[in-house]
N, C-alpha and C. Protein backbone atom coordinates (compact mmCIF):
# COMPACT_ATOMS: atom_id res chain seq x y z
N MET A 1 2.60 12.67 -117.33
CA MET A 1 1.63 12.86 -116.27
C MET A 1 0.24 12.60 -116.84
N THR A 2 -0.62 11.99 -116.04
CA THR A 2 -1.98 11.67 -116.46
C THR A 2 -2.96 12.67 -115.88
N THR A 3 -3.98 12.98 -116.64
CA THR A 3 -5.04 13.87 -116.17
C THR A 3 -6.21 13.02 -115.71
N LEU A 4 -6.80 13.41 -114.58
CA LEU A 4 -7.94 12.70 -114.02
C LEU A 4 -9.01 13.72 -113.69
N ASN A 5 -10.18 13.53 -114.23
CA ASN A 5 -11.30 14.42 -113.93
C ASN A 5 -12.19 13.76 -112.90
N ILE A 6 -12.54 14.49 -111.85
CA ILE A 6 -13.42 13.95 -110.82
C ILE A 6 -14.55 14.94 -110.54
N SER A 7 -15.66 14.40 -110.09
CA SER A 7 -16.78 15.23 -109.69
C SER A 7 -16.84 15.25 -108.17
N LEU A 8 -17.01 16.44 -107.60
CA LEU A 8 -17.06 16.58 -106.15
C LEU A 8 -18.31 17.34 -105.74
N PRO A 9 -18.84 17.01 -104.57
CA PRO A 9 -19.92 17.85 -104.04
C PRO A 9 -19.36 19.25 -103.74
N ASP A 10 -20.24 20.22 -103.72
CA ASP A 10 -19.81 21.61 -103.52
C ASP A 10 -19.03 21.80 -102.22
N ASP A 11 -19.44 21.11 -101.15
CA ASP A 11 -18.75 21.29 -99.87
C ASP A 11 -17.31 20.79 -99.93
N LEU A 12 -17.07 19.71 -100.65
CA LEU A 12 -15.69 19.22 -100.77
C LEU A 12 -14.86 20.16 -101.64
N GLN A 13 -15.43 20.65 -102.70
CA GLN A 13 -14.72 21.62 -103.54
C GLN A 13 -14.39 22.87 -102.74
N ALA A 14 -15.33 23.32 -101.91
CA ALA A 14 -15.09 24.50 -101.08
C ALA A 14 -13.95 24.25 -100.10
N PHE A 15 -13.89 23.04 -99.56
CA PHE A 15 -12.80 22.71 -98.63
C PHE A 15 -11.45 22.74 -99.34
N ILE A 16 -11.39 22.17 -100.52
CA ILE A 16 -10.15 22.19 -101.30
C ILE A 16 -9.76 23.63 -101.61
N ASP A 17 -10.72 24.42 -102.02
CA ASP A 17 -10.44 25.83 -102.32
C ASP A 17 -9.91 26.55 -101.08
N GLN A 18 -10.45 26.22 -99.92
CA GLN A 18 -9.99 26.82 -98.67
C GLN A 18 -8.53 26.44 -98.40
N GLN A 19 -8.20 25.19 -98.61
CA GLN A 19 -6.82 24.74 -98.40
C GLN A 19 -5.85 25.48 -99.32
N ILE A 20 -6.29 25.73 -100.53
CA ILE A 20 -5.45 26.47 -101.48
C ILE A 20 -5.34 27.93 -101.05
N SER A 21 -6.46 28.53 -100.62
CA SER A 21 -6.45 29.95 -100.28
C SER A 21 -5.61 30.26 -99.04
N ILE A 22 -5.51 29.33 -98.12
CA ILE A 22 -4.68 29.59 -96.93
C ILE A 22 -3.21 29.26 -97.18
N GLY A 23 -2.92 28.85 -98.39
CA GLY A 23 -1.52 28.65 -98.77
C GLY A 23 -0.97 27.28 -98.48
N SER A 24 -1.82 26.35 -98.06
CA SER A 24 -1.33 25.01 -97.77
C SER A 24 -0.89 24.28 -99.03
N TYR A 25 -1.59 24.56 -100.13
CA TYR A 25 -1.31 23.90 -101.40
C TYR A 25 -1.45 24.92 -102.52
N GLY A 26 -0.73 24.69 -103.60
CA GLY A 26 -0.78 25.61 -104.72
C GLY A 26 -1.99 25.41 -105.62
N THR A 27 -2.37 24.15 -105.77
CA THR A 27 -3.48 23.83 -106.66
C THR A 27 -4.28 22.67 -106.06
N ALA A 28 -5.47 22.45 -106.63
CA ALA A 28 -6.27 21.31 -106.21
C ALA A 28 -5.51 20.01 -106.49
N SER A 29 -4.79 19.97 -107.58
CA SER A 29 -3.99 18.79 -107.92
C SER A 29 -2.93 18.51 -106.85
N ASP A 30 -2.28 19.57 -106.35
CA ASP A 30 -1.29 19.40 -105.27
C ASP A 30 -1.94 18.79 -104.04
N TYR A 31 -3.13 19.27 -103.70
CA TYR A 31 -3.82 18.79 -102.51
C TYR A 31 -4.24 17.33 -102.67
N ILE A 32 -4.82 16.99 -103.79
CA ILE A 32 -5.24 15.61 -104.04
C ILE A 32 -4.02 14.69 -104.07
N SER A 33 -2.95 15.12 -104.69
CA SER A 33 -1.72 14.31 -104.71
C SER A 33 -1.20 14.07 -103.31
N HIS A 34 -1.26 15.10 -102.47
CA HIS A 34 -0.83 14.97 -101.08
C HIS A 34 -1.68 13.92 -100.35
N LEU A 35 -2.98 13.97 -100.54
CA LEU A 35 -3.88 13.00 -99.90
C LEU A 35 -3.57 11.58 -100.36
N ILE A 36 -3.32 11.42 -101.63
CA ILE A 36 -3.01 10.09 -102.16
C ILE A 36 -1.69 9.58 -101.59
N ARG A 37 -0.67 10.45 -101.51
CA ARG A 37 0.61 10.04 -100.92
C ARG A 37 0.44 9.63 -99.46
N GLN A 38 -0.39 10.38 -98.71
CA GLN A 38 -0.65 10.02 -97.32
C GLN A 38 -1.28 8.63 -97.24
N GLU A 39 -2.22 8.34 -98.11
CA GLU A 39 -2.87 7.04 -98.10
C GLU A 39 -1.89 5.94 -98.49
N GLN A 40 -1.00 6.22 -99.43
CA GLN A 40 0.03 5.25 -99.79
C GLN A 40 0.92 4.93 -98.58
N GLU A 41 1.30 5.97 -97.83
CA GLU A 41 2.13 5.77 -96.64
C GLU A 41 1.38 4.95 -95.59
N ARG A 42 0.10 5.27 -95.37
CA ARG A 42 -0.69 4.51 -94.40
C ARG A 42 -0.80 3.05 -94.82
N SER A 43 -1.00 2.82 -96.10
CA SER A 43 -1.11 1.46 -96.61
C SER A 43 0.20 0.71 -96.41
N ALA A 44 1.33 1.36 -96.71
CA ALA A 44 2.64 0.72 -96.53
C ALA A 44 2.90 0.42 -95.05
N GLU A 45 2.52 1.34 -94.16
CA GLU A 45 2.70 1.11 -92.73
C GLU A 45 1.84 -0.06 -92.25
N LYS A 46 0.62 -0.15 -92.76
CA LYS A 46 -0.27 -1.25 -92.38
C LYS A 46 0.31 -2.58 -92.86
N GLN A 47 0.83 -2.59 -94.08
CA GLN A 47 1.43 -3.81 -94.61
C GLN A 47 2.66 -4.20 -93.79
N LEU A 48 3.49 -3.23 -93.42
CA LEU A 48 4.65 -3.52 -92.60
C LEU A 48 4.24 -4.07 -91.25
N GLU A 49 3.22 -3.46 -90.64
CA GLU A 49 2.74 -3.94 -89.35
C GLU A 49 2.24 -5.38 -89.46
N THR A 50 1.53 -5.68 -90.53
CA THR A 50 1.04 -7.04 -90.75
C THR A 50 2.20 -8.02 -90.86
N LEU A 51 3.22 -7.64 -91.62
CA LEU A 51 4.39 -8.51 -91.78
C LEU A 51 5.13 -8.69 -90.46
N LEU A 52 5.24 -7.62 -89.69
CA LEU A 52 5.92 -7.73 -88.40
C LEU A 52 5.16 -8.67 -87.46
N ILE A 53 3.85 -8.55 -87.44
CA ILE A 53 3.04 -9.43 -86.59
C ILE A 53 3.16 -10.87 -87.06
N GLU A 54 3.13 -11.09 -88.37
CA GLU A 54 3.32 -12.45 -88.89
C GLU A 54 4.68 -12.99 -88.47
N GLY A 55 5.70 -12.14 -88.52
CA GLY A 55 7.04 -12.57 -88.09
C GLY A 55 7.08 -12.93 -86.63
N LEU A 56 6.42 -12.13 -85.81
CA LEU A 56 6.39 -12.42 -84.37
C LEU A 56 5.66 -13.72 -84.08
N ASP A 57 4.66 -14.03 -84.88
CA ASP A 57 3.87 -15.24 -84.67
C ASP A 57 4.41 -16.45 -85.42
N SER A 58 5.56 -16.32 -86.08
CA SER A 58 6.01 -17.36 -87.00
C SER A 58 6.85 -18.47 -86.37
N GLY A 59 7.19 -18.36 -85.15
CA GLY A 59 8.01 -19.43 -84.58
C GLY A 59 8.29 -19.19 -83.12
N ASP A 60 9.18 -20.01 -82.61
CA ASP A 60 9.55 -19.88 -81.21
C ASP A 60 10.28 -18.56 -80.99
N PRO A 61 9.97 -17.89 -79.91
CA PRO A 61 10.64 -16.60 -79.64
C PRO A 61 12.09 -16.80 -79.26
N ILE A 62 12.89 -15.80 -79.56
CA ILE A 62 14.29 -15.79 -79.15
C ILE A 62 14.54 -14.49 -78.38
N GLU A 63 15.53 -14.52 -77.53
CA GLU A 63 15.91 -13.31 -76.82
C GLU A 63 17.00 -12.62 -77.62
N ALA A 64 16.73 -11.41 -78.07
CA ALA A 64 17.67 -10.67 -78.88
C ALA A 64 18.61 -9.88 -77.97
N THR A 65 19.59 -10.58 -77.44
CA THR A 65 20.57 -9.96 -76.54
C THR A 65 21.66 -9.28 -77.37
N GLU A 66 22.54 -8.58 -76.69
CA GLU A 66 23.67 -7.95 -77.38
C GLU A 66 24.54 -9.01 -78.06
N ALA A 67 24.73 -10.14 -77.41
CA ALA A 67 25.51 -11.23 -78.01
C ALA A 67 24.82 -11.76 -79.27
N TRP A 68 23.49 -11.88 -79.22
CA TRP A 68 22.75 -12.36 -80.39
C TRP A 68 22.94 -11.39 -81.56
N TRP A 69 22.81 -10.06 -81.28
CA TRP A 69 23.00 -9.06 -82.34
C TRP A 69 24.42 -9.08 -82.89
N THR A 70 25.39 -9.24 -82.03
CA THR A 70 26.78 -9.30 -82.48
C THR A 70 26.98 -10.47 -83.43
N GLN A 71 26.44 -11.64 -83.05
CA GLN A 71 26.55 -12.82 -83.91
C GLN A 71 25.78 -12.62 -85.22
N LYS A 72 24.60 -12.01 -85.14
CA LYS A 72 23.78 -11.77 -86.33
C LYS A 72 24.54 -10.85 -87.30
N ARG A 73 25.15 -9.79 -86.77
CA ARG A 73 25.93 -8.88 -87.63
C ARG A 73 27.10 -9.61 -88.28
N ALA A 74 27.80 -10.41 -87.49
CA ALA A 74 28.94 -11.16 -88.03
C ALA A 74 28.49 -12.11 -89.12
N ASP A 75 27.37 -12.79 -88.92
CA ASP A 75 26.84 -13.70 -89.95
C ASP A 75 26.50 -12.94 -91.22
N LEU A 76 25.84 -11.80 -91.09
CA LEU A 76 25.46 -11.01 -92.26
C LEU A 76 26.67 -10.47 -93.01
N VAL A 77 27.66 -9.99 -92.27
CA VAL A 77 28.88 -9.49 -92.91
C VAL A 77 29.59 -10.64 -93.62
N GLY A 78 29.62 -11.80 -92.99
CA GLY A 78 30.23 -12.98 -93.62
C GLY A 78 29.52 -13.35 -94.90
N ARG A 79 28.18 -13.32 -94.89
CA ARG A 79 27.42 -13.64 -96.09
C ARG A 79 27.66 -12.59 -97.18
N LEU A 80 27.79 -11.35 -96.78
CA LEU A 80 28.03 -10.27 -97.74
C LEU A 80 29.37 -10.46 -98.44
N HIS A 81 30.40 -10.81 -97.67
CA HIS A 81 31.74 -10.98 -98.23
C HIS A 81 31.87 -12.25 -99.05
N SER A 82 31.05 -13.25 -98.76
CA SER A 82 31.14 -14.49 -99.50
C SER A 82 30.24 -14.55 -100.72
N SER A 83 29.34 -13.57 -100.87
CA SER A 83 28.43 -13.59 -102.02
C SER A 83 29.14 -13.04 -103.25
N PRO A 84 28.81 -13.60 -104.43
CA PRO A 84 29.43 -13.09 -105.67
C PRO A 84 28.97 -11.68 -105.97
N SER A 85 29.84 -10.88 -106.55
CA SER A 85 29.53 -9.47 -106.85
C SER A 85 28.59 -9.30 -107.94
């Protein structure tokens, strides 16, 4: 584990201390780690959204009917069984 020292204004330190005192987090490190994990999740969601939009804009649209999904599943299962282990 790495140690990181940061300087905070008094009001931010007071807010962190408040979060710890109400039992939301055990330590300032727990709280900061939680914030960083939240930002990582937001970043991953934004990246996924960007990729999904790129996919939607990448070609002619298709109608994903039940028959289309059935064929897609069959194709994927076929590729899985034919690929080397």
